[in-house]
PDB file of N, CA and C in Angstrom:
ATOM      1  N   UNK A   1     123.765 134.772  85.805  1.00  0.00           N
ATOM      2  CA  UNK A   1     122.537 135.541  85.810  1.00  0.00           C
ATOM      3  C   UNK A   1     121.323 134.609  85.840  1.00  0.00           C
ATOM      4  N   UNK A   2     121.401 133.523  85.078  1.00  0.00           N
ATOM      5  CA  UNK A   2     120.291 132.574  85.033  1.00  0.00           C
ATOM      6  C   UNK A   2     120.086 131.906  86.397  1.00  0.00           C
ATOM      7  N   UNK A   3     121.188 131.567  87.069  1.00  0.00           N
ATOM      8  CA  UNK A   3     121.076 130.949  88.393  1.00  0.00           C
ATOM      9  C   UNK A   3     120.408 131.897  89.381  1.00  0.00           C
ATOM     10  N   UNK A   4     120.758 133.148  89.286  1.00  0.00           N
ATOM     11  CA  UNK A   4     120.153 134.138  90.184  1.00  0.00           C
ATOM     12  C   UNK A   4     118.647 134.240  89.933  1.00  0.00           C
ATOM     13  N   UNK A   5     118.259 134.227  88.677  1.00  0.00           N
ATOM     14  CA  UNK A   5     116.834 134.293  88.342  1.00  0.00           C
ATOM     15  C   UNK A   5     116.098 133.036  88.814  1.00  0.00           C
ATOM     16  N   UNK A   6     116.747 131.880  88.675  1.00  0.00           N
ATOM     17  CA  UNK A   6     116.136 130.640  89.137  1.00  0.00           C
ATOM     18  C   UNK A   6     115.966 130.644  90.656  1.00  0.00           C
ATOM     19  N   UNK A   7     116.971 131.147  91.358  1.00  0.00           N
ATOM     20  CA  UNK A   7     116.866 131.237  92.817  1.00  0.00           C
ATOM     21  C   UNK A   7     115.741 132.170  93.222  1.00  0.00           C
ATOM     22  N   UNK A   8     115.659 133.303  92.562  1.00  0.00           N
ATOM     23  CA  UNK A   8     114.598 134.267  92.870  1.00  0.00           C
ATOM     24  C   UNK A   8     113.226 133.668  92.574  1.00  0.00           C
ATOM     25  N   UNK A   9     113.114 132.964  91.471  1.00  0.00           N
ATOM     26  CA  UNK A   9     111.850 132.316  91.118  1.00  0.00           C
ATOM     27  C   UNK A   9     111.469 131.265  92.164  1.00  0.00           C
ATOM     28  N   UNK A  10     112.426 130.455  92.582  1.00  0.00           N
ATOM     29  CA  UNK A  10     112.159 129.440  93.605  1.00  0.00           C
ATOM     30  C   UNK A  10     111.747 130.092  94.918  1.00  0.00           C
ATOM     31  N   UNK A  11     112.410 131.174  95.277  1.00  0.00           N
ATOM     32  CA  UNK A  11     112.062 131.880  96.510  1.00  0.00           C
ATOM     33  C   UNK A  11     110.652 132.454  96.441  1.00  0.00           C
ATOM     34  N   UNK A  12     110.314 133.066  95.322  1.00  0.00           N
ATOM     35  CA  UNK A  12     108.972 133.625  95.165  1.00  0.00           C
ATOM     36  C   UNK A  12     107.910 132.532  95.151  1.00  0.00           C
ATOM     37  N   UNK A  13     108.215 131.411  94.535  1.00  0.00           N
ATOM     38  CA  UNK A  13     107.280 130.291  94.531  1.00  0.00           C
ATOM     39  C   UNK A  13     107.057 129.760  95.945  1.00  0.00           C
ATOM     40  N   UNK A  14     108.140 129.591  96.681  1.00  0.00           N
ATOM     41  CA  UNK A  14     108.021 129.119  98.059  1.00  0.00           C
ATOM     42  C   UNK A  14     107.234 130.113  98.906  1.00  0.00           C
ATOM     43  N   UNK A  15     107.502 131.390  98.725  1.00  0.00           N
ATOM     44  CA  UNK A  15     106.781 132.409  99.489  1.00  0.00           C
ATOM     45  C   UNK A  15     105.297 132.400  99.147  1.00  0.00           C
ATOM     46  N   UNK A  16     104.972 132.233  97.866  1.00  0.00           N
ATOM     47  CA  UNK A  16     103.558 132.219  97.488  1.00  0.00           C
ATOM     48  C   UNK A  16     102.833 131.021  98.078  1.00  0.00           C
ATOM     49  N   UNK A  17     103.531 129.890  98.183  1.00  0.00           N
ATOM     50  CA  UNK A  17     102.927 128.715  98.812  1.00  0.00           C
ATOM     51  C   UNK A  17     102.674 128.986 100.289  1.00  0.00           C
ATOM     52  N   UNK A  18     103.638 129.610 100.941  1.00  0.00           N
ATOM     53  CA  UNK A  18     103.477 129.921 102.371  1.00  0.00           C
ATOM     54  C   UNK A  18     102.322 130.882 102.577  1.00  0.00           C
ATOM     55  N   UNK A  19     102.137 131.816 101.655  1.00  0.00           N
ATOM     56  CA  UNK A  19     101.071 132.813 101.813  1.00  0.00           C
ATOM     57  C   UNK A  19      99.703 132.213 101.490  1.00  0.00           C
ATOM     58  N   UNK A  20      99.617 131.355 100.471  1.00  0.00           N
ATOM     59  CA  UNK A  20      98.308 130.852 100.053  1.00  0.00           C
ATOM     60  C   UNK A  20      97.853 129.623 100.819  1.00  0.00           C
ATOM     61  N   UNK A  21      98.753 128.697 101.142  1.00  0.00           N
ATOM     62  CA  UNK A  21      98.356 127.460 101.807  1.00  0.00           C
ATOM     63  C   UNK A  21      97.699 127.726 103.162  1.00  0.00           C
ATOM     64  N   UNK A  22      98.254 128.604 104.020  1.00  0.00           N
ATOM     65  CA  UNK A  22      97.572 128.835 105.298  1.00  0.00           C
ATOM     66  C   UNK A  22      96.168 129.411 105.134  1.00  0.00           C
ATOM     67  N   UNK A  23      95.940 130.194 104.101  1.00  0.00           N
ATOM     68  CA  UNK A  23      94.611 130.755 103.921  1.00  0.00           C
ATOM     69  C   UNK A  23      93.607 129.688 103.493  1.00  0.00           C
ATOM     70  N   UNK A  24      94.088 128.576 102.932  1.00  0.00           N
ATOM     71  CA  UNK A  24      93.195 127.498 102.519  1.00  0.00           C
ATOM     72  C   UNK A  24      92.896 126.525 103.656  1.00  0.00           C
ATOM     73  N   UNK A  25      93.772 126.445 104.633  1.00  0.00           N
ATOM     74  CA  UNK A  25      93.583 125.505 105.735  1.00  0.00           C
ATOM     75  C   UNK A  25      92.514 126.037 106.687  1.00  0.00           C
ATOM     76  N   UNK A  26      91.734 125.134 107.231  1.00  0.00           N
ATOM     77  CA  UNK A  26      90.647 125.530 108.121  1.00  0.00           C
ATOM     78  C   UNK A  26      91.070 125.516 109.593  1.00  0.00           C
ATOM     79  N   UNK A  27      91.639 124.446 110.009  1.00  0.00           N
ATOM     80  CA  UNK A  27      91.997 124.294 111.416  1.00  0.00           C
ATOM     81  C   UNK A  27      93.478 123.987 111.528  1.00  0.00           C
ATOM     82  N   UNK A  28      94.060 124.480 112.605  1.00  0.00           N
ATOM     83  CA  UNK A  28      95.469 124.227 112.870  1.00  0.00           C
ATOM     84  C   UNK A  28      95.602 123.502 114.192  1.00  0.00           C
ATOM     85  N   UNK A  29      96.501 122.531 114.226  1.00  0.00           N
ATOM     86  CA  UNK A  29      96.866 121.891 115.481  1.00  0.00           C
ATOM     87  C   UNK A  29      98.050 122.646 116.054  1.00  0.00           C
ATOM     88  N   UNK A  30      98.296 122.484 117.332  1.00  0.00           N
ATOM     89  CA  UNK A  30      99.449 123.103 117.975  1.00  0.00           C
ATOM     90  C   UNK A  30     100.562 122.068 118.051  1.00  0.00           C
ATOM     91  N   UNK A  31     101.654 122.339 117.379  1.00  0.00           N
ATOM     92  CA  UNK A  31     102.778 121.408 117.382  1.00  0.00           C
ATOM     93  C   UNK A  31     103.909 121.963 116.556  1.00  0.00           C
ATOM     94  N   UNK A  32     104.738 121.074 116.026  1.00  0.00           N
ATOM     95  CA  UNK A  32     105.883 121.526 115.246  1.00  0.00           C
ATOM     96  C   UNK A  32     105.899 120.946 113.839  1.00  0.00           C
ATOM     97  N   UNK A  33     104.731 120.551 113.307  1.00  0.00           N
ATOM     98  CA  UNK A  33     104.626 120.134 111.915  1.00  0.00           C
ATOM     99  C   UNK A  33     104.510 121.348 111.014  1.00  0.00           C
ATOM    100  N   UNK A  34     104.574 121.152 109.718  1.00  0.00           N
ATOM    101  CA  UNK A  34     104.624 122.265 108.766  1.00  0.00           C
ATOM    102  C   UNK A  34     103.413 123.185 108.861  1.00  0.00           C
ATOM    103  N   UNK A  35     102.223 122.647 108.937  1.00  0.00           N
ATOM    104  CA  UNK A  35     101.026 123.490 109.019  1.00  0.00           C
ATOM    105  C   UNK A  35     100.415 123.423 110.416  1.00  0.00           C
ATOM    106  N   UNK A  36     101.262 123.440 111.409  1.00  0.00           N
ATOM    107  CA  UNK A  36     100.805 123.470 112.791  1.00  0.00           C
ATOM    108  C   UNK A  36     101.293 124.758 113.437  1.00  0.00           C
ATOM    109  N   UNK A  37     100.481 125.277 114.339  1.00  0.00           N
ATOM    110  CA  UNK A  37     100.846 126.509 115.029  1.00  0.00           C
ATOM    111  C   UNK A  37     102.064 126.273 115.908  1.00  0.00           C
ATOM    112  N   UNK A  38     103.018 127.172 115.819  1.00  0.00           N
ATOM    113  CA  UNK A  38     104.200 127.091 116.678  1.00  0.00           C
ATOM    114  C   UNK A  38     104.152 128.262 117.651  1.00  0.00           C
ATOM    115  N   UNK A  39     103.120 128.221 118.503  1.00  0.00           N
ATOM    116  CA  UNK A  39     102.960 129.226 119.533  1.00  0.00           C
ATOM    117  C   UNK A  39     103.371 128.603 120.866  1.00  0.00           C
ATOM    118  N   UNK A  40     102.983 129.213 121.969  1.00  0.00           N
ATOM    119  CA  UNK A  40     103.373 128.668 123.277  1.00  0.00           C
ATOM    120  C   UNK A  40     102.863 127.246 123.476  1.00  0.00           C
ATOM    121  N   UNK A  41     101.644 126.977 123.048  1.00  0.00           N
ATOM    122  CA  UNK A  41     101.105 125.626 123.179  1.00  0.00           C
ATOM    123  C   UNK A  41     101.835 124.653 122.243  1.00  0.00           C
ATOM    124  N   UNK A  42     102.189 125.132 121.047  1.00  0.00           N
ATOM    125  CA  UNK A  42     102.944 124.302 120.118  1.00  0.00           C
ATOM    126  C   UNK A  42     104.321 123.964 120.646  1.00  0.00           C
ATOM    127  N   UNK A  43     104.971 124.927 121.277  1.00  0.00           N
ATOM    128  CA  UNK A  43     106.275 124.668 121.887  1.00  0.00           C
ATOM    129  C   UNK A  43     106.119 123.659 123.027  1.00  0.00           C
ATOM    130  N   UNK A  44     105.066 123.819 123.834  1.00  0.00           N
ATOM    131  CA  UNK A  44     104.834 122.888 124.942  1.00  0.00           C
ATOM    132  C   UNK A  44     104.554 121.474 124.435  1.00  0.00           C
ATOM    133  N   UNK A  45     103.948 121.342 123.251  1.00  0.00           N
ATOM    134  CA  UNK A  45     103.660 120.028 122.674  1.00  0.00           C
ATOM    135  C   UNK A  45     104.867 119.409 121.978  1.00  0.00           C
ATOM    136  N   UNK A  46     105.930 120.164 121.811  1.00  0.00           N
ATOM    137  CA  UNK A  46     107.137 119.659 121.163  1.00  0.00           C
ATOM    138  C   UNK A  46     107.857 118.684 122.089  1.00  0.00           C
ATOM    139  N   UNK A  47     108.620 117.765 121.511  1.00  0.00           N
ATOM    140  CA  UNK A  47     109.393 116.843 122.348  1.00  0.00           C
ATOM    141  C   UNK A  47     110.406 117.609 123.211  1.00  0.00           C
ATOM    142  N   UNK A  48     110.800 117.006 124.304  1.00  0.00           N
ATOM    143  CA  UNK A  48     111.733 117.647 125.235  1.00  0.00           C
ATOM    144  C   UNK A  48     113.053 117.991 124.554  1.00  0.00           C
ATOM    145  N   UNK A  49     113.522 117.128 123.637  1.00  0.00           N
ATOM    146  CA  UNK A  49     114.797 117.405 122.987  1.00  0.00           C
ATOM    147  C   UNK A  49     114.706 118.634 122.087  1.00  0.00           C
ATOM    148  N   UNK A  50     113.537 118.913 121.498  1.00  0.00           N
ATOM    149  CA  UNK A  50     113.377 120.107 120.664  1.00  0.00           C
ATOM    150  C   UNK A  50     113.425 121.351 121.546  1.00  0.00           C
ATOM    151  N   UNK A  51     112.748 121.313 122.682  1.00  0.00           N
ATOM    152  CA  UNK A  51     112.785 122.461 123.599  1.00  0.00           C
ATOM    153  C   UNK A  51     114.196 122.704 124.109  1.00  0.00           C
ATOM    154  N   UNK A  52     114.925 121.627 124.423  1.00  0.00           N
ATOM    155  CA  UNK A  52     116.309 121.766 124.891  1.00  0.00           C
ATOM    156  C   UNK A  52     117.186 122.344 123.788  1.00  0.00           C
ATOM    157  N   UNK A  53     116.999 121.871 122.563  1.00  0.00           N
ATOM    158  CA  UNK A  53     117.784 122.372 121.433  1.00  0.00           C
ATOM    159  C   UNK A  53     117.529 123.859 121.203  1.00  0.00           C
ATOM    160  N   UNK A  54     116.261 124.285 121.277  1.00  0.00           N
ATOM    161  CA  UNK A  54     115.930 125.704 121.103  1.00  0.00           C
ATOM    162  C   UNK A  54     116.596 126.524 122.205  1.00  0.00           C
ATOM    163  N   UNK A  55     116.576 126.035 123.439  1.00  0.00           N
ATOM    164  CA  UNK A  55     117.215 126.736 124.547  1.00  0.00           C
ATOM    165  C   UNK A  55     118.718 126.884 124.308  1.00  0.00           C
ATOM    166  N   UNK A  56     119.373 125.807 123.857  1.00  0.00           N
ATOM    167  CA  UNK A  56     120.816 125.860 123.570  1.00  0.00           C
ATOM    168  C   UNK A  56     121.102 126.843 122.434  1.00  0.00           C
ATOM    169  N   UNK A  57     120.264 126.826 121.394  1.00  0.00           N
ATOM    170  CA  UNK A  57     120.477 127.748 120.272  1.00  0.00           C
ATOM    171  C   UNK A  57     120.302 129.207 120.700  1.00  0.00           C
ATOM    172  N   UNK A  58     119.319 129.489 121.535  1.00  0.00           N
ATOM    173  CA  UNK A  58     119.151 130.854 122.034  1.00  0.00           C
ATOM    174  C   UNK A  58     120.359 131.295 122.852  1.00  0.00           C
ATOM    175  N   UNK A  59     120.915 130.379 123.631  1.00  0.00           N
ATOM    176  CA  UNK A  59     122.135 130.681 124.378  1.00  0.00           C
ATOM    177  C   UNK A  59     123.315 130.954 123.455  1.00  0.00           C
ATOM    178  N   UNK A  60     123.390 130.211 122.368  1.00  0.00           N
ATOM    179  CA  UNK A  60     124.457 130.417 121.390  1.00  0.00           C
ATOM    180  C   UNK A  60     124.348 131.794 120.741  1.00  0.00           C
ATOM    181  N   UNK A  61     123.131 132.172 120.370  1.00  0.00           N
ATOM    182  CA  UNK A  61     122.941 133.494 119.770  1.00  0.00           C
ATOM    183  C   UNK A  61     123.248 134.597 120.771  1.00  0.00           C
ATOM    184  N   UNK A  62     122.855 134.413 122.015  1.00  0.00           N
ATOM    185  CA  UNK A  62     123.148 135.406 123.049  1.00  0.00           C
ATOM    186  C   UNK A  62     124.657 135.531 123.256  1.00  0.00           C
ATOM    187  N   UNK A  63     125.373 134.419 123.203  1.00  0.00           N
ATOM    188  CA  UNK A  63     126.830 134.458 123.342  1.00  0.00           C
ATOM    189  C   UNK A  63     127.466 135.192 122.164  1.00  0.00           C
ATOM    190  N   UNK A  64     126.837 135.136 121.000  1.00  0.00           N
ATOM    191  CA  UNK A  64     127.360 135.857 119.841  1.00  0.00           C
ATOM    192  C   UNK A  64     127.426 137.360 120.063  1.00  0.00           C
ATOM    193  N   UNK A  65     126.570 137.865 120.938  1.00  0.00           N
ATOM    194  CA  UNK A  65     126.591 139.298 121.233  1.00  0.00           C
ATOM    195  C   UNK A  65     127.919 139.738 121.856  1.00  0.00           C
ATOM    196  N   UNK A  66     128.608 138.825 122.530  1.00  0.00           N
ATOM    197  CA  UNK A  66     129.899 139.147 123.138  1.00  0.00           C
ATOM    198  C   UNK A  66     130.987 139.407 122.092  1.00  0.00           C
ATOM    199  N   UNK A  67     130.799 138.897 120.885  1.00  0.00           N
ATOM    200  CA  UNK A  67     131.843 138.975 119.859  1.00  0.00           C
ATOM    201  C   UNK A  67     131.486 139.886 118.693  1.00  0.00           C
ATOM    202  N   UNK A  68     130.361 140.580 118.749  1.00  0.00           N
ATOM    203  CA  UNK A  68     129.877 141.375 117.621  1.00  0.00           C
ATOM    204  C   UNK A  68     130.855 142.475 117.233  1.00  0.00           C
ATOM    205  N   UNK A  69     131.484 143.096 118.192  1.00  0.00           N
ATOM    206  CA  UNK A  69     132.385 144.217 117.878  1.00  0.00           C
ATOM    207  C   UNK A  69     133.623 143.768 117.110  1.00  0.00           C
ATOM    208  N   UNK A  70     134.110 142.567 117.401  1.00  0.00           N
ATOM    209  CA  UNK A  70     135.405 142.153 116.844  1.00  0.00           C
ATOM    210  C   UNK A  70     135.331 141.170 115.689  1.00  0.00           C
ATOM    211  N   UNK A  71     134.258 140.420 115.581  1.00  0.00           N
ATOM    212  CA  UNK A  71     134.223 139.328 114.610  1.00  0.00           C
ATOM    213  C   UNK A  71     133.086 139.501 113.608  1.00  0.00           C
ATOM    214  N   UNK A  72     133.440 139.405 112.333  1.00  0.00           N
ATOM    215  CA  UNK A  72     132.455 139.477 111.262  1.00  0.00           C
ATOM    216  C   UNK A  72     131.457 138.326 111.361  1.00  0.00           C
ATOM    217  N   UNK A  73     131.942 137.144 111.697  1.00  0.00           N
ATOM    218  CA  UNK A  73     131.069 135.979 111.792  1.00  0.00           C
ATOM    219  C   UNK A  73     129.961 136.199 112.828  1.00  0.00           C
ATOM    220  N   UNK A  74     130.316 136.795 113.944  1.00  0.00           N
ATOM    221  CA  UNK A  74     129.318 137.059 114.988  1.00  0.00           C
ATOM    222  C   UNK A  74     128.295 138.082 114.500  1.00  0.00           C
ATOM    223  N   UNK A  75     128.747 139.087 113.760  1.00  0.00           N
ATOM    224  CA  UNK A  75     127.804 140.076 113.220  1.00  0.00           C
ATOM    225  C   UNK A  75     126.842 139.428 112.237  1.00  0.00           C
ATOM    226  N   UNK A  76     127.326 138.510 111.420  1.00  0.00           N
ATOM    227  CA  UNK A  76     126.469 137.823 110.449  1.00  0.00           C
ATOM    228  C   UNK A  76     125.447 136.949 111.174  1.00  0.00           C
ATOM    229  N   UNK A  77     125.888 136.190 112.164  1.00  0.00           N
ATOM    230  CA  UNK A  77     124.983 135.300 112.891  1.00  0.00           C
ATOM    231  C   UNK A  77     123.930 136.091 113.651  1.00  0.00           C
ATOM    232  N   UNK A  78     124.352 137.069 114.419  1.00  0.00           N
ATOM    233  CA  UNK A  78     123.399 137.869 115.197  1.00  0.00           C
ATOM    234  C   UNK A  78     122.500 138.675 114.266  1.00  0.00           C
ATOM    235  N   UNK A  79     123.080 139.227 113.193  1.00  0.00           N
ATOM    236  CA  UNK A  79     122.274 139.980 112.224  1.00  0.00           C
ATOM    237  C   UNK A  79     121.238 139.102 111.539  1.00  0.00           C
ATOM    238  N   UNK A  80     121.628 137.882 111.157  1.00  0.00           N
ATOM    239  CA  UNK A  80     120.678 136.959 110.537  1.00  0.00           C
ATOM    240  C   UNK A  80     119.559 136.573 111.489  1.00  0.00           C
ATOM    241  N   UNK A  81     119.896 136.381 112.750  1.00  0.00           N
ATOM    242  CA  UNK A  81     118.899 136.037 113.763  1.00  0.00           C
ATOM    243  C   UNK A  81     117.894 137.175 113.951  1.00  0.00           C
ATOM    244  N   UNK A  82     118.419 138.392 114.139  1.00  0.00           N
ATOM    245  CA  UNK A  82     117.543 139.545 114.361  1.00  0.00           C
ATOM    246  C   UNK A  82     116.736 139.869 113.109  1.00  0.00           C
ATOM    247  N   UNK A  83     117.369 139.838 111.944  1.00  0.00           N
ATOM    248  CA  UNK A  83     116.664 140.138 110.701  1.00  0.00           C
ATOM    249  C   UNK A  83     115.596 139.091 110.401  1.00  0.00           C
ATOM    250  N   UNK A  84     115.887 137.829 110.664  1.00  0.00           N
ATOM    251  CA  UNK A  84     114.897 136.769 110.460  1.00  0.00           C
ATOM    252  C   UNK A  84     113.668 136.965 111.328  1.00  0.00           C
ATOM    253  N   UNK A  85     113.881 137.301 112.589  1.00  0.00           N
ATOM    254  CA  UNK A  85     112.744 137.551 113.484  1.00  0.00           C
ATOM    255  C   UNK A  85     111.958 138.770 113.020  1.00  0.00           C
ATOM    256  N   UNK A  86     112.667 139.839 112.639  1.00  0.00           N
ATOM    257  CA  UNK A  86     111.983 141.063 112.198  1.00  0.00           C
ATOM    258  C   UNK A  86     111.146 140.819 110.941  1.00  0.00           C
ATOM    259  N   UNK A  87     111.708 140.105 109.971  1.00  0.00           N
ATOM    260  CA  UNK A  87     110.969 139.821 108.736  1.00  0.00           C
ATOM    261  C   UNK A  87     109.785 138.900 109.023  1.00  0.00           C
ATOM    262  N   UNK A  88     109.973 137.918 109.902  1.00  0.00           N
ATOM    263  CA  UNK A  88     108.878 137.011 110.234  1.00  0.00           C
ATOM    264  C   UNK A  88     107.724 137.781 110.883  1.00  0.00           C
ATOM    265  N   UNK A  89     108.025 138.660 111.817  1.00  0.00           N
ATOM    266  CA  UNK A  89     106.983 139.455 112.473  1.00  0.00           C
ATOM    267  C   UNK A  89     106.318 140.374 111.469  1.00  0.00           C
ATOM    268  N   UNK A  90     107.107 141.007 110.596  1.00  0.00           N
ATOM    269  CA  UNK A  90     106.562 141.912 109.591  1.00  0.00           C
ATOM    270  C   UNK A  90     105.615 141.183 108.635  1.00  0.00           C
ATOM    271  N   UNK A  91     106.037 140.031 108.124  1.00  0.00           N
ATOM    272  CA  UNK A  91     105.201 139.287 107.181  1.00  0.00           C
ATOM    273  C   UNK A  91     103.957 138.711 107.855  1.00  0.00           C
ATOM    274  N   UNK A  92     104.095 138.282 109.089  1.00  0.00           N
ATOM    275  CA  UNK A  92     102.921 137.783 109.806  1.00  0.00           C
ATOM    276  C   UNK A  92     101.921 138.913 110.021  1.00  0.00           C
ATOM    277  N   UNK A  93     102.414 140.108 110.279  1.00  0.00           N
ATOM    278  CA  UNK A  93     101.533 141.251 110.483  1.00  0.00           C
ATOM    279  C   UNK A  93     100.903 141.700 109.169  1.00  0.00           C
ATOM    280  N   UNK A  94     101.705 141.798 108.116  1.00  0.00           N
ATOM    281  CA  UNK A  94     101.196 142.275 106.825  1.00  0.00           C
ATOM    282  C   UNK A  94     100.178 141.325 106.217  1.00  0.00           C
ATOM    283  N   UNK A  95     100.459 140.019 106.255  1.00  0.00           N
ATOM    284  CA  UNK A  95      99.606 139.046 105.585  1.00  0.00           C
ATOM    285  C   UNK A  95      98.671 138.314 106.538  1.00  0.00           C
ATOM    286  N   UNK A  96      98.745 138.609 107.822  1.00  0.00           N
ATOM    287  CA  UNK A  96      97.870 137.956 108.785  1.00  0.00           C
ATOM    288  C   UNK A  96      98.134 136.474 108.939  1.00  0.00           C
ATOM    289  N   UNK A  97      99.378 136.058 108.724  1.00  0.00           N
ATOM    290  CA  UNK A  97      99.720 134.642 108.835  1.00  0.00           C
ATOM    291  C   UNK A  97      99.816 134.224 110.290  1.00  0.00           C
ATOM    292  N   UNK A  98      99.281 133.075 110.619  1.00  0.00           N
ATOM    293  CA  UNK A  98      99.525 132.543 111.963  1.00  0.00           C
ATOM    294  C   UNK A  98     100.970 132.059 112.048  1.00  0.00           C
ATOM    295  N   UNK A  99     101.506 131.907 113.244  1.00  0.00           N
ATOM    296  CA  UNK A  99     102.900 131.462 113.377  1.00  0.00           C
ATOM    297  C   UNK A  99     103.038 129.970 113.073  1.00  0.00           C
ATOM    298  N   UNK A 100     102.997 129.628 111.801  1.00  0.00           N
ATOM    299  CA  UNK A 100     103.096 128.228 111.390  1.00  0.00           C
ATOM    300  C   UNK A 100     104.547 127.774 111.378  1.00  0.00           C
ATOM    301  N   UNK A 101     104.780 126.522 111.719  1.00  0.00           N
ATOM    302  CA  UNK A 101     106.134 125.984 111.735  1.00  0.00           C
ATOM    303  C   UNK A 101     106.755 125.982 110.344  1.00  0.00           C
ATOM    304  N   UNK A 102     105.954 125.763 109.307  1.00  0.00           N
ATOM    305  CA  UNK A 102     106.478 125.794 107.942  1.00  0.00           C
ATOM    306  C   UNK A 102     106.967 127.181 107.550  1.00  0.00           C
ATOM    307  N   UNK A 103     106.273 128.201 108.014  1.00  0.00           N
ATOM    308  CA  UNK A 103     106.692 129.575 107.749  1.00  0.00           C
ATOM    309  C   UNK A 103     108.009 129.879 108.463  1.00  0.00           C
ATOM    310  N   UNK A 104     108.118 129.404 109.693  1.00  0.00           N
ATOM    311  CA  UNK A 104     109.355 129.589 110.450  1.00  0.00           C
ATOM    312  C   UNK A 104     110.502 128.853 109.759  1.00  0.00           C
ATOM    313  N   UNK A 105     110.226 127.678 109.218  1.00  0.00           N
ATOM    314  CA  UNK A 105     111.251 126.923 108.498  1.00  0.00           C
ATOM    315  C   UNK A 105     111.709 127.671 107.250  1.00  0.00           C
ATOM    316  N   UNK A 106     110.771 128.285 106.534  1.00  0.00           N
ATOM    317  CA  UNK A 106     111.134 129.061 105.348  1.00  0.00           C
ATOM    318  C   UNK A 106     112.008 130.256 105.724  1.00  0.00           C
ATOM    319  N   UNK A 107     111.691 130.922 106.798  1.00  0.00           N
ATOM    320  CA  UNK A 107     112.523 132.031 107.267  1.00  0.00           C
ATOM    321  C   UNK A 107     113.930 131.536 107.591  1.00  0.00           C
ATOM    322  N   UNK A 108     114.031 130.364 108.223  1.00  0.00           N
ATOM    323  CA  UNK A 108     115.352 129.792 108.493  1.00  0.00           C
ATOM    324  C   UNK A 108     116.122 129.553 107.199  1.00  0.00           C
ATOM    325  N   UNK A 109     115.461 128.989 106.203  1.00  0.00           N
ATOM    326  CA  UNK A 109     116.141 128.725 104.934  1.00  0.00           C
ATOM    327  C   UNK A 109     116.641 130.007 104.281  1.00  0.00           C
ATOM    328  N   UNK A 110     115.839 131.027 104.310  1.00  0.00           N
ATOM    329  CA  UNK A 110     116.218 132.281 103.661  1.00  0.00           C
ATOM    330  C   UNK A 110     117.382 132.946 104.386  1.00  0.00           C
ATOM    331  N   UNK A 111     117.313 133.047 105.708  1.00  0.00           N
ATOM    332  CA  UNK A 111     118.304 133.816 106.432  1.00  0.00           C
ATOM    333  C   UNK A 111     119.505 133.025 106.905  1.00  0.00           C
ATOM    334  N   UNK A 112     119.436 131.686 106.874  1.00  0.00           N
ATOM    335  CA  UNK A 112     120.567 130.891 107.309  1.00  0.00           C
ATOM    336  C   UNK A 112     121.315 130.231 106.166  1.00  0.00           C
ATOM    337  N   UNK A 113     120.771 130.246 104.961  1.00  0.00           N
ATOM    338  CA  UNK A 113     121.493 129.671 103.832  1.00  0.00           C
ATOM    339  C   UNK A 113     122.828 130.391 103.559  1.00  0.00           C
ATOM    340  N   UNK A 114     122.865 131.724 103.588  1.00  0.00           N
ATOM    341  CA  UNK A 114     124.172 132.382 103.365  1.00  0.00           C
ATOM    342  C   UNK A 114     125.183 131.968 104.400  1.00  0.00           C
TER     343      UNK A 114
END
């Protein structure tokens, strides 16, 4: 029970940092650093290997759709991918957060840790 409370506390602390730090920052650069915008310009500013890796990962997730009916693992992977995107869009809309790379990293930690 204590471990669960500690995990929840750490998650809430991390979320509060993500919500408050962007509101304190004045200007954002476009790139893939923690407090940099990860929009189309940020993706274009990323190294070629990062763009290639993202392309390969998107292909992997798309291939998971072929196995969703039969495999639990595919349902977990595809579900985590879709749920992560949905929560990221929802939180960005609710709190007015720009698409920061640090926020995207936090979403990855939350939905890919299981």
